[in-house]
Amino acid sequence: MTQPRYKTTVFCAALLSAALLLLPNPSAAQDVPEGYSVSSMTRATIFVRDLDESLKLYRDLLGLTTRVDTIVEGPRINEIIGTEDYGLKAVILQAGDSIIGNIGIYEIIGDDREPLPPPSSRSDTVTGDFAVVFITDDIDGITEKVKAAGYPLVSPPMVLFPNPEAEVQTREMMFRDHDGVLVNLIELGLPRPW
């Protein structure tokens, strides 16, 4: 199904509110705690080379569900992302019903600027890398799917902080997505470390 394309300022502003700020119900917004200037992070957004390819990981393999799926065009979207005459395909994914801790997967439409260098496929981390972190209850199963899909593995499941009193140890693993972004999965032990 083709997504509608909105070119008027009114529709663009409405979609910008829903898609980029993720606050379809303003009363559901996070409060800024007293003494702070910002709330906890609402969402991480990755500007990707190929949205459909990224959805194969975040939606299909990791199982996140779609909260927002839209295309936004017009001067306001270009103003906020610092471009001219481009559009934006935006998908926001979530686990459960939470409005916090979601992940945005955005692709700039019509981006004819100089191509980006290839994404990192390093099997280590370097200064400037960043990671998105998820809790899982199936670290081994997801690791096998990640390896089968060909994502670069940085670390197999391992106990990072051994707890001699734990019945089951907390384990984590890390790999890179299609754009070289690090994805860190943590399976909590028993008792939970936090």
N, C-alpha and C. Protein backbone atom coordinates (compact mmCIF):
# COMPACT_ATOMS: atom_id res chain seq x y z
N MET A 1 0.83 -1.18 0.00
CA MET A 1 0.00 0.00 0.00
C MET A 1 0.88 1.25 0.00
N THR A 2 0.63 2.16 -0.90
CA THR A 2 1.43 3.38 -0.99
C THR A 2 1.05 4.33 0.12
N GLN A 3 2.06 4.90 0.76
CA GLN A 3 1.83 5.87 1.82
C GLN A 3 1.46 7.21 1.20
N PRO A 4 0.51 7.94 1.81
CA PRO A 4 0.17 9.27 1.28
C PRO A 4 1.32 10.23 1.46
N ARG A 5 1.46 11.18 0.55
CA ARG A 5 2.50 12.20 0.65
C ARG A 5 1.83 13.53 0.94
N TYR A 6 2.23 14.16 2.03
CA TYR A 6 1.63 15.41 2.48
C TYR A 6 2.57 16.55 2.18
N LYS A 7 2.07 17.58 1.46
CA LYS A 7 2.92 18.69 1.09
C LYS A 7 2.52 19.99 1.77
N THR A 8 1.35 20.05 2.37
CA THR A 8 0.93 21.31 2.98
C THR A 8 1.55 21.46 4.36
N THR A 9 1.70 22.69 4.75
CA THR A 9 2.29 22.98 6.04
C THR A 9 1.48 22.40 7.18
N VAL A 10 0.15 22.46 7.09
CA VAL A 10 -0.71 21.97 8.17
C VAL A 10 -0.51 20.47 8.37
N PHE A 11 -0.58 19.69 7.28
CA PHE A 11 -0.41 18.25 7.41
C PHE A 11 1.01 17.91 7.82
N CYS A 12 1.98 18.62 7.29
CA CYS A 12 3.37 18.35 7.65
C CYS A 12 3.60 18.58 9.14
N ALA A 13 3.06 19.65 9.67
CA ALA A 13 3.23 19.93 11.09
C ALA A 13 2.57 18.85 11.94
N ALA A 14 1.40 18.38 11.54
CA ALA A 14 0.71 17.34 12.30
C ALA A 14 1.50 16.04 12.28
N LEU A 15 2.01 15.67 11.12
CA LEU A 15 2.79 14.44 11.03
C LEU A 15 4.11 14.56 11.77
N LEU A 16 4.70 15.73 11.70
CA LEU A 16 5.95 15.95 12.41
C LEU A 16 5.73 15.73 13.91
N SER A 17 4.62 16.24 14.41
CA SER A 17 4.30 16.05 15.82
C SER A 17 4.16 14.58 16.16
N ALA A 18 3.42 13.84 15.35
CA ALA A 18 3.17 12.43 15.65
C ALA A 18 4.40 11.57 15.40
N ALA A 19 5.04 11.76 14.26
CA ALA A 19 6.12 10.85 13.88
C ALA A 19 7.44 11.17 14.57
N LEU A 20 7.78 12.43 14.68
CA LEU A 20 9.09 12.77 15.22
C LEU A 20 9.10 12.98 16.72
N LEU A 21 8.05 13.48 17.27
CA LEU A 21 8.02 13.71 18.71
C LEU A 21 7.40 12.54 19.46
N LEU A 22 6.72 11.65 18.74
CA LEU A 22 6.14 10.45 19.32
C LEU A 22 5.20 10.77 20.47
N LEU A 23 4.44 11.83 20.32
CA LEU A 23 3.51 12.19 21.37
C LEU A 23 2.11 12.38 20.80
N PRO A 24 1.47 11.29 20.32
CA PRO A 24 0.13 11.42 19.77
C PRO A 24 -0.86 11.86 20.84
N ASN A 25 -0.58 11.58 22.09
CA ASN A 25 -1.41 12.02 23.20
C ASN A 25 -0.52 12.84 24.13
N PRO A 26 -0.59 14.19 24.04
CA PRO A 26 0.32 15.02 24.82
C PRO A 26 0.30 14.72 26.31
N SER A 27 -0.82 14.24 26.84
CA SER A 27 -0.86 13.95 28.28
C SER A 27 -0.03 12.72 28.62
N ALA A 28 0.36 11.92 27.60
CA ALA A 28 1.18 10.73 27.85
C ALA A 28 2.67 11.06 27.79
N ALA A 29 3.02 12.32 27.60
CA ALA A 29 4.43 12.71 27.50
C ALA A 29 5.13 12.46 28.83
N GLN A 30 6.43 12.20 28.74
CA GLN A 30 7.22 12.04 29.95
C GLN A 30 7.37 13.38 30.64
N ASP A 31 7.33 13.36 31.93
CA ASP A 31 7.61 14.57 32.69
C ASP A 31 9.11 14.76 32.80
N VAL A 32 9.50 16.02 32.91
CA VAL A 32 10.90 16.34 33.21
C VAL A 32 11.01 16.35 34.72
N PRO A 33 11.82 15.46 35.30
CA PRO A 33 11.92 15.40 36.77
C PRO A 33 12.41 16.72 37.36
N GLU A 34 11.94 17.01 38.54
CA GLU A 34 12.35 18.23 39.21
C GLU A 34 13.87 18.24 39.37
N GLY A 35 14.48 19.38 39.04
CA GLY A 35 15.92 19.52 39.14
C GLY A 35 16.67 19.13 37.88
N TYR A 36 15.94 18.66 36.86
CA TYR A 36 16.56 18.27 35.59
C TYR A 36 16.07 19.18 34.47
N SER A 37 16.81 19.20 33.39
CA SER A 37 16.41 19.98 32.22
C SER A 37 15.70 19.14 31.17
N VAL A 38 15.89 17.80 31.22
CA VAL A 38 15.28 16.90 30.25
C VAL A 38 14.74 15.66 30.96
N SER A 39 13.90 14.92 30.24
CA SER A 39 13.39 13.65 30.75
C SER A 39 14.38 12.54 30.42
N SER A 40 14.07 11.32 30.84
CA SER A 40 14.83 10.18 30.34
C SER A 40 14.63 10.11 28.83
N MET A 41 15.54 9.46 28.12
CA MET A 41 15.44 9.42 26.66
C MET A 41 14.15 8.75 26.22
N THR A 42 13.43 9.40 25.34
CA THR A 42 12.19 8.86 24.81
C THR A 42 12.45 7.84 23.71
N ARG A 43 13.38 8.16 22.83
CA ARG A 43 13.60 7.31 21.67
C ARG A 43 15.00 7.55 21.11
N ALA A 44 15.60 6.49 20.58
CA ALA A 44 16.81 6.62 19.76
C ALA A 44 16.35 6.54 18.31
N THR A 45 16.90 7.38 17.46
CA THR A 45 16.54 7.37 16.05
C THR A 45 17.80 7.16 15.23
N ILE A 46 17.73 6.23 14.30
CA ILE A 46 18.85 5.95 13.41
C ILE A 46 18.44 6.36 12.00
N PHE A 47 19.22 7.23 11.37
CA PHE A 47 19.00 7.58 9.97
C PHE A 47 19.73 6.53 9.14
N VAL A 48 18.98 5.73 8.41
CA VAL A 48 19.52 4.53 7.77
C VAL A 48 19.62 4.70 6.26
N ARG A 49 20.43 3.84 5.65
CA ARG A 49 20.59 3.82 4.20
C ARG A 49 19.38 3.22 3.51
N ASP A 50 18.79 2.19 4.11
CA ASP A 50 17.70 1.44 3.49
C ASP A 50 16.73 1.00 4.59
N LEU A 51 15.60 1.70 4.68
CA LEU A 51 14.65 1.44 5.75
C LEU A 51 14.14 0.00 5.72
N ASP A 52 13.83 -0.51 4.54
CA ASP A 52 13.32 -1.88 4.45
C ASP A 52 14.34 -2.90 4.96
N GLU A 53 15.60 -2.67 4.65
CA GLU A 53 16.66 -3.56 5.14
C GLU A 53 16.76 -3.49 6.66
N SER A 54 16.65 -2.30 7.22
CA SER A 54 16.72 -2.15 8.68
C SER A 54 15.53 -2.80 9.36
N LEU A 55 14.36 -2.74 8.74
CA LEU A 55 13.18 -3.38 9.32
C LEU A 55 13.32 -4.90 9.39
N LYS A 56 14.12 -5.48 8.51
CA LYS A 56 14.36 -6.92 8.58
C LYS A 56 14.99 -7.31 9.91
N LEU A 57 15.81 -6.42 10.46
CA LEU A 57 16.42 -6.70 11.76
C LEU A 57 15.49 -6.29 12.90
N TYR A 58 15.18 -5.00 12.99
CA TYR A 58 14.51 -4.48 14.17
C TYR A 58 13.06 -4.95 14.29
N ARG A 59 12.35 -5.06 13.19
CA ARG A 59 10.96 -5.52 13.25
C ARG A 59 10.87 -7.04 13.13
N ASP A 60 11.49 -7.58 12.07
CA ASP A 60 11.28 -9.00 11.77
C ASP A 60 12.10 -9.93 12.65
N LEU A 61 13.38 -9.65 12.85
CA LEU A 61 14.23 -10.55 13.63
C LEU A 61 14.09 -10.30 15.14
N LEU A 62 14.13 -9.03 15.56
CA LEU A 62 14.02 -8.72 16.99
C LEU A 62 12.58 -8.68 17.48
N GLY A 63 11.61 -8.57 16.57
CA GLY A 63 10.21 -8.67 16.94
C GLY A 63 9.54 -7.40 17.44
N LEU A 64 10.16 -6.23 17.22
CA LEU A 64 9.51 -4.98 17.62
C LEU A 64 8.31 -4.72 16.72
N THR A 65 7.33 -4.00 17.23
CA THR A 65 6.12 -3.71 16.45
C THR A 65 6.10 -2.24 16.05
N THR A 66 5.35 -1.95 15.01
CA THR A 66 5.30 -0.60 14.45
C THR A 66 4.34 0.28 15.24
N ARG A 67 4.84 1.42 15.69
CA ARG A 67 4.00 2.43 16.34
C ARG A 67 3.60 3.51 15.34
N VAL A 68 4.57 3.94 14.52
CA VAL A 68 4.34 4.97 13.50
C VAL A 68 5.00 4.50 12.22
N ASP A 69 4.31 4.67 11.10
CA ASP A 69 4.86 4.35 9.78
C ASP A 69 4.32 5.41 8.83
N THR A 70 5.18 6.35 8.43
CA THR A 70 4.68 7.48 7.65
C THR A 70 5.76 8.04 6.74
N ILE A 71 5.33 8.87 5.82
CA ILE A 71 6.23 9.65 4.97
C ILE A 71 5.89 11.11 5.22
N VAL A 72 6.92 11.93 5.44
CA VAL A 72 6.72 13.35 5.69
C VAL A 72 7.53 14.13 4.66
N GLU A 73 6.89 15.13 4.04
CA GLU A 73 7.57 15.97 3.07
C GLU A 73 7.23 17.42 3.33
N GLY A 74 8.03 18.31 2.78
CA GLY A 74 7.72 19.73 2.87
C GLY A 74 8.81 20.50 3.60
N PRO A 75 8.62 21.83 3.65
CA PRO A 75 9.67 22.69 4.20
C PRO A 75 9.97 22.46 5.67
N ARG A 76 8.96 22.10 6.46
CA ARG A 76 9.21 21.96 7.90
C ARG A 76 10.10 20.75 8.21
N ILE A 77 9.87 19.64 7.53
CA ILE A 77 10.72 18.48 7.79
C ILE A 77 12.15 18.77 7.35
N ASN A 78 12.30 19.49 6.23
CA ASN A 78 13.63 19.85 5.77
C ASN A 78 14.31 20.82 6.73
N GLU A 79 13.52 21.70 7.34
CA GLU A 79 14.09 22.65 8.29
C GLU A 79 14.63 21.92 9.51
N ILE A 80 13.88 20.95 10.02
CA ILE A 80 14.32 20.29 11.26
C ILE A 80 15.49 19.32 11.01
N ILE A 81 15.59 18.73 9.80
CA ILE A 81 16.71 17.83 9.55
C ILE A 81 17.84 18.50 8.76
N GLY A 82 17.69 19.81 8.49
CA GLY A 82 18.77 20.58 7.89
C GLY A 82 19.03 20.27 6.43
N THR A 83 17.96 19.95 5.69
CA THR A 83 18.10 19.62 4.28
C THR A 83 17.20 20.52 3.44
N GLU A 84 17.24 20.33 2.13
CA GLU A 84 16.34 21.04 1.22
C GLU A 84 15.76 20.06 0.22
N ASP A 85 14.46 20.11 0.03
CA ASP A 85 13.76 19.34 -1.01
C ASP A 85 13.84 17.83 -0.84
N TYR A 86 13.98 17.34 0.39
CA TYR A 86 13.95 15.91 0.63
C TYR A 86 12.69 15.56 1.42
N GLY A 87 12.37 14.29 1.45
CA GLY A 87 11.30 13.78 2.30
C GLY A 87 11.91 12.83 3.31
N LEU A 88 11.05 12.29 4.15
CA LEU A 88 11.51 11.40 5.19
C LEU A 88 10.53 10.25 5.35
N LYS A 89 11.06 9.01 5.21
CA LYS A 89 10.28 7.83 5.58
C LYS A 89 10.61 7.55 7.03
N ALA A 90 9.59 7.47 7.87
CA ALA A 90 9.82 7.31 9.30
C ALA A 90 9.01 6.14 9.84
N VAL A 91 9.71 5.22 10.50
CA VAL A 91 9.06 4.12 11.20
C VAL A 91 9.57 4.15 12.63
N ILE A 92 8.64 4.14 13.58
CA ILE A 92 9.00 4.08 14.99
C ILE A 92 8.52 2.73 15.52
N LEU A 93 9.43 2.00 16.14
CA LEU A 93 9.16 0.65 16.62
C LEU A 93 9.18 0.61 18.13
N GLN A 94 8.43 -0.33 18.69
CA GLN A 94 8.35 -0.45 20.14
C GLN A 94 8.14 -1.89 20.54
N ALA A 95 8.39 -2.17 21.80
CA ALA A 95 8.03 -3.45 22.41
C ALA A 95 6.93 -3.15 23.42
N GLY A 96 5.80 -3.84 23.31
CA GLY A 96 4.68 -3.57 24.21
C GLY A 96 4.04 -2.23 23.89
N ASP A 97 3.54 -1.56 24.94
CA ASP A 97 2.81 -0.31 24.75
C ASP A 97 3.56 0.92 25.22
N SER A 98 4.84 0.79 25.54
CA SER A 98 5.59 1.89 26.11
C SER A 98 5.80 3.01 25.11
N ILE A 99 5.66 4.26 25.57
CA ILE A 99 6.00 5.40 24.71
C ILE A 99 7.43 5.85 24.94
N ILE A 100 8.15 5.16 25.84
CA ILE A 100 9.56 5.51 26.05
C ILE A 100 10.44 4.34 25.63
N GLY A 101 11.68 4.65 25.30
CA GLY A 101 12.64 3.60 24.94
C GLY A 101 12.40 2.99 23.58
N ASN A 102 11.69 3.69 22.71
CA ASN A 102 11.43 3.16 21.38
C ASN A 102 12.60 3.46 20.45
N ILE A 103 12.54 2.91 19.25
CA ILE A 103 13.61 3.14 18.27
C ILE A 103 12.99 3.62 16.97
N GLY A 104 13.53 4.71 16.44
CA GLY A 104 13.10 5.25 15.17
C GLY A 104 14.05 4.82 14.07
N ILE A 105 13.48 4.40 12.95
CA ILE A 105 14.27 4.03 11.78
C ILE A 105 13.82 4.99 10.67
N TYR A 106 14.69 5.92 10.28
CA TYR A 106 14.33 6.96 9.33
C TYR A 106 15.23 6.88 8.10
N GLU A 107 14.61 7.06 6.93
CA GLU A 107 15.36 7.12 5.67
C GLU A 107 15.03 8.42 4.96
N ILE A 108 16.05 9.17 4.56
CA ILE A 108 15.84 10.42 3.83
C ILE A 108 15.51 10.08 2.39
N ILE A 109 14.38 10.59 1.89
CA ILE A 109 13.92 10.32 0.53
C ILE A 109 14.55 11.34 -0.43
N GLY A 110 15.10 10.84 -1.53
CA GLY A 110 15.65 11.72 -2.56
C GLY A 110 17.01 12.27 -2.24
N ASP A 111 17.70 11.66 -1.29
CA ASP A 111 19.02 12.14 -0.88
C ASP A 111 20.02 11.82 -1.99
N ASP A 112 20.39 12.87 -2.76
CA ASP A 112 21.31 12.69 -3.88
C ASP A 112 22.70 13.27 -3.57
N ARG A 113 22.94 13.52 -2.28
CA ARG A 113 24.26 14.01 -1.90
C ARG A 113 25.30 12.91 -2.07
N GLU A 114 26.55 13.27 -1.89
CA GLU A 114 27.64 12.31 -2.04
C GLU A 114 27.36 11.07 -1.19
N PRO A 115 27.53 9.88 -1.77
CA PRO A 115 27.23 8.66 -1.00
C PRO A 115 28.08 8.55 0.26
N LEU A 116 27.48 7.94 1.27
CA LEU A 116 28.19 7.70 2.52
C LEU A 116 29.23 6.61 2.33
N PRO A 117 30.27 6.62 3.16
CA PRO A 117 31.20 5.49 3.11
C PRO A 117 30.48 4.23 3.57
N PRO A 118 31.01 3.06 3.24
CA PRO A 118 30.37 1.82 3.67
C PRO A 118 30.23 1.78 5.19
N PRO A 119 29.19 1.12 5.70
CA PRO A 119 29.03 1.02 7.15
C PRO A 119 30.13 0.17 7.76
N SER A 120 30.39 0.41 9.03
CA SER A 120 31.41 -0.36 9.73
C SER A 120 30.96 -1.81 9.88
N SER A 121 31.87 -2.72 9.61
CA SER A 121 31.62 -4.14 9.87
C SER A 121 32.67 -4.67 10.85
N ARG A 122 33.26 -3.75 11.59
CA ARG A 122 34.32 -4.10 12.55
C ARG A 122 33.80 -5.10 13.57
N SER A 123 34.68 -5.94 14.04
CA SER A 123 34.32 -6.88 15.10
C SER A 123 34.82 -6.40 16.45
N ASP A 124 35.07 -5.08 16.54
CA ASP A 124 35.41 -4.45 17.81
C ASP A 124 34.69 -3.10 17.85
N THR A 125 34.87 -2.38 18.94
CA THR A 125 34.26 -1.06 19.04
C THR A 125 35.34 0.00 19.07
N VAL A 126 34.98 1.19 18.59
CA VAL A 126 35.94 2.29 18.54
C VAL A 126 35.25 3.56 19.03
N THR A 127 36.05 4.55 19.38
CA THR A 127 35.51 5.83 19.78
C THR A 127 34.61 6.37 18.67
N GLY A 128 33.44 6.84 19.04
CA GLY A 128 32.48 7.34 18.07
C GLY A 128 31.37 6.35 17.79
N ASP A 129 31.57 5.07 18.09
CA ASP A 129 30.49 4.09 17.98
C ASP A 129 29.40 4.43 18.98
N PHE A 130 28.20 3.99 18.71
CA PHE A 130 27.15 4.04 19.71
C PHE A 130 26.35 2.76 19.58
N ALA A 131 25.66 2.41 20.65
CA ALA A 131 24.91 1.16 20.68
C ALA A 131 23.49 1.41 21.15
N VAL A 132 22.56 0.64 20.60
CA VAL A 132 21.21 0.58 21.14
C VAL A 132 21.16 -0.71 21.96
N VAL A 133 20.51 -0.66 23.12
CA VAL A 133 20.55 -1.76 24.07
C VAL A 133 19.14 -2.26 24.35
N PHE A 134 18.96 -3.57 24.28
CA PHE A 134 17.67 -4.20 24.54
C PHE A 134 17.85 -5.34 25.54
N ILE A 135 16.85 -5.54 26.39
CA ILE A 135 16.78 -6.72 27.25
C ILE A 135 16.07 -7.81 26.44
N THR A 136 16.52 -9.06 26.57
CA THR A 136 15.90 -10.18 25.87
C THR A 136 15.75 -11.35 26.82
N ASP A 137 14.86 -12.27 26.47
CA ASP A 137 14.76 -13.52 27.22
C ASP A 137 15.15 -14.70 26.34
N ASP A 138 15.80 -14.38 25.18
CA ASP A 138 16.21 -15.43 24.24
C ASP A 138 17.53 -15.05 23.58
N ILE A 139 18.56 -14.81 24.37
CA ILE A 139 19.83 -14.33 23.82
C ILE A 139 20.46 -15.35 22.87
N ASP A 140 20.35 -16.64 23.20
CA ASP A 140 20.97 -17.66 22.34
C ASP A 140 20.24 -17.78 21.01
N GLY A 141 18.91 -17.78 21.05
CA GLY A 141 18.12 -17.88 19.82
C GLY A 141 18.33 -16.69 18.90
N ILE A 142 18.34 -15.49 19.48
CA ILE A 142 18.56 -14.30 18.66
C ILE A 142 19.98 -14.29 18.11
N THR A 143 20.95 -14.70 18.91
CA THR A 143 22.34 -14.74 18.42
C THR A 143 22.44 -15.65 17.20
N GLU A 144 21.80 -16.80 17.24
CA GLU A 144 21.84 -17.71 16.08
C GLU A 144 21.19 -17.07 14.86
N LYS A 145 20.08 -16.37 15.04
CA LYS A 145 19.42 -15.68 13.92
C LYS A 145 20.28 -14.57 13.37
N VAL A 146 20.94 -13.82 14.26
CA VAL A 146 21.83 -12.72 13.85
C VAL A 146 22.99 -13.27 13.02
N LYS A 147 23.60 -14.36 13.48
CA LYS A 147 24.71 -14.97 12.74
C LYS A 147 24.23 -15.50 11.39
N ALA A 148 23.08 -16.16 11.37
CA ALA A 148 22.54 -16.72 10.12
C ALA A 148 22.21 -15.62 9.11
N ALA A 149 21.80 -14.45 9.60
CA ALA A 149 21.47 -13.33 8.72
C ALA A 149 22.71 -12.56 8.26
N GLY A 150 23.88 -12.90 8.82
CA GLY A 150 25.12 -12.29 8.36
C GLY A 150 25.49 -10.97 9.00
N TYR A 151 24.86 -10.61 10.12
CA TYR A 151 25.25 -9.38 10.80
C TYR A 151 26.60 -9.59 11.49
N PRO A 152 27.49 -8.59 11.44
CA PRO A 152 28.81 -8.75 12.06
C PRO A 152 28.71 -8.89 13.58
N LEU A 153 29.19 -10.00 14.09
CA LEU A 153 29.16 -10.28 15.52
C LEU A 153 30.38 -9.66 16.19
N VAL A 154 30.16 -8.88 17.24
CA VAL A 154 31.25 -8.31 18.02
C VAL A 154 31.57 -9.24 19.19
N SER A 155 30.52 -9.75 19.83
CA SER A 155 30.71 -10.63 20.98
C SER A 155 29.57 -11.63 21.05
N PRO A 156 29.89 -12.93 21.23
CA PRO A 156 28.82 -13.90 21.47
C PRO A 156 28.30 -13.71 22.90
N PRO A 157 27.21 -14.38 23.27
CA PRO A 157 26.71 -14.25 24.64
C PRO A 157 27.79 -14.59 25.66
N MET A 158 27.95 -13.71 26.65
CA MET A 158 28.98 -13.89 27.66
C MET A 158 28.53 -13.27 28.98
N VAL A 159 29.14 -13.73 30.07
CA VAL A 159 28.92 -13.14 31.39
C VAL A 159 29.92 -12.01 31.52
N LEU A 160 29.43 -10.79 31.57
CA LEU A 160 30.32 -9.63 31.66
C LEU A 160 30.70 -9.34 33.12
N PHE A 161 29.74 -9.44 34.01
CA PHE A 161 29.97 -9.17 35.43
C PHE A 161 29.54 -10.39 36.23
N PRO A 162 30.44 -11.36 36.45
CA PRO A 162 30.06 -12.56 37.19
C PRO A 162 29.55 -12.23 38.60
N ASN A 163 28.50 -12.90 38.98
CA ASN A 163 27.93 -12.74 40.31
C ASN A 163 27.91 -14.12 40.97
N PRO A 164 28.84 -14.40 41.88
CA PRO A 164 28.93 -15.73 42.48
C PRO A 164 27.68 -16.13 43.25
N GLU A 165 26.85 -15.17 43.62
CA GLU A 165 25.63 -15.47 44.36
C GLU A 165 24.42 -15.69 43.46
N ALA A 166 24.56 -15.45 42.17
CA ALA A 166 23.42 -15.57 41.26
C ALA A 166 23.16 -17.03 40.90
N GLU A 167 21.89 -17.37 40.87
CA GLU A 167 21.48 -18.71 40.43
C GLU A 167 21.71 -18.86 38.93
N VAL A 168 21.40 -17.79 38.20
CA VAL A 168 21.64 -17.73 36.75
C VAL A 168 22.35 -16.41 36.47
N GLN A 169 23.43 -16.45 35.71
CA GLN A 169 24.22 -15.26 35.42
C GLN A 169 23.56 -14.40 34.34
N THR A 170 23.73 -13.09 34.45
CA THR A 170 23.33 -12.17 33.39
C THR A 170 24.34 -12.29 32.26
N ARG A 171 23.83 -12.41 31.02
CA ARG A 171 24.72 -12.50 29.85
C ARG A 171 24.35 -11.42 28.85
N GLU A 172 25.34 -11.04 28.07
CA GLU A 172 25.06 -10.09 26.99
C GLU A 172 25.90 -10.40 25.77
N MET A 173 25.44 -9.88 24.63
CA MET A 173 26.16 -10.03 23.37
C MET A 173 26.01 -8.74 22.58
N MET A 174 26.83 -8.59 21.53
CA MET A 174 26.76 -7.39 20.72
C MET A 174 27.09 -7.71 19.27
N PHE A 175 26.37 -7.01 18.37
CA PHE A 175 26.60 -7.15 16.93
C PHE A 175 26.32 -5.82 16.27
N ARG A 176 26.61 -5.73 14.97
CA ARG A 176 26.35 -4.50 14.21
C ARG A 176 25.18 -4.71 13.26
N ASP A 177 24.36 -3.66 13.12
CA ASP A 177 23.24 -3.73 12.18
C ASP A 177 23.71 -3.40 10.77
N HIS A 178 22.78 -3.29 9.84
CA HIS A 178 23.06 -3.03 8.43
C HIS A 178 23.82 -1.72 8.21
N ASP A 179 23.66 -0.77 9.13
CA ASP A 179 24.33 0.52 9.01
C ASP A 179 25.55 0.64 9.90
N GLY A 180 25.96 -0.45 10.53
CA GLY A 180 27.15 -0.43 11.38
C GLY A 180 26.88 -0.01 12.81
N VAL A 181 25.59 0.21 13.15
CA VAL A 181 25.23 0.59 14.52
C VAL A 181 25.34 -0.65 15.41
N LEU A 182 25.92 -0.48 16.60
CA LEU A 182 26.04 -1.58 17.54
C LEU A 182 24.69 -1.87 18.20
N VAL A 183 24.35 -3.14 18.29
CA VAL A 183 23.14 -3.58 18.98
C VAL A 183 23.60 -4.49 20.12
N ASN A 184 23.25 -4.13 21.35
CA ASN A 184 23.67 -4.85 22.54
C ASN A 184 22.43 -5.51 23.15
N LEU A 185 22.46 -6.83 23.30
CA LEU A 185 21.36 -7.57 23.91
C LEU A 185 21.80 -8.09 25.27
N ILE A 186 20.93 -7.95 26.26
CA ILE A 186 21.23 -8.40 27.62
C ILE A 186 20.11 -9.34 28.08
N GLU A 187 20.51 -10.52 28.54
CA GLU A 187 19.56 -11.46 29.15
C GLU A 187 19.84 -11.47 30.64
N LEU A 188 18.87 -11.00 31.42
CA LEU A 188 19.07 -10.84 32.86
C LEU A 188 19.10 -12.18 33.57
N GLY A 189 19.98 -12.28 34.55
CA GLY A 189 20.10 -13.49 35.35
C GLY A 189 19.12 -13.50 36.51
N LEU A 190 19.32 -14.46 37.41
CA LEU A 190 18.49 -14.59 38.62
C LEU A 190 19.41 -14.64 39.82
N PRO A 191 19.20 -13.82 40.82
CA PRO A 191 18.26 -12.71 40.81
C PRO A 191 18.74 -11.61 39.84
N ARG A 192 17.80 -10.74 39.45
CA ARG A 192 18.14 -9.69 38.49
C ARG A 192 19.15 -8.71 39.11
N PRO A 193 20.08 -8.24 38.27
CA PRO A 193 21.13 -7.35 38.81
C PRO A 193 20.61 -5.95 39.16
N TRP A 194 19.44 -5.61 38.73
CA TRP A 194 18.87 -4.30 39.08
C TRP A 194 17.38 -4.38 39.17
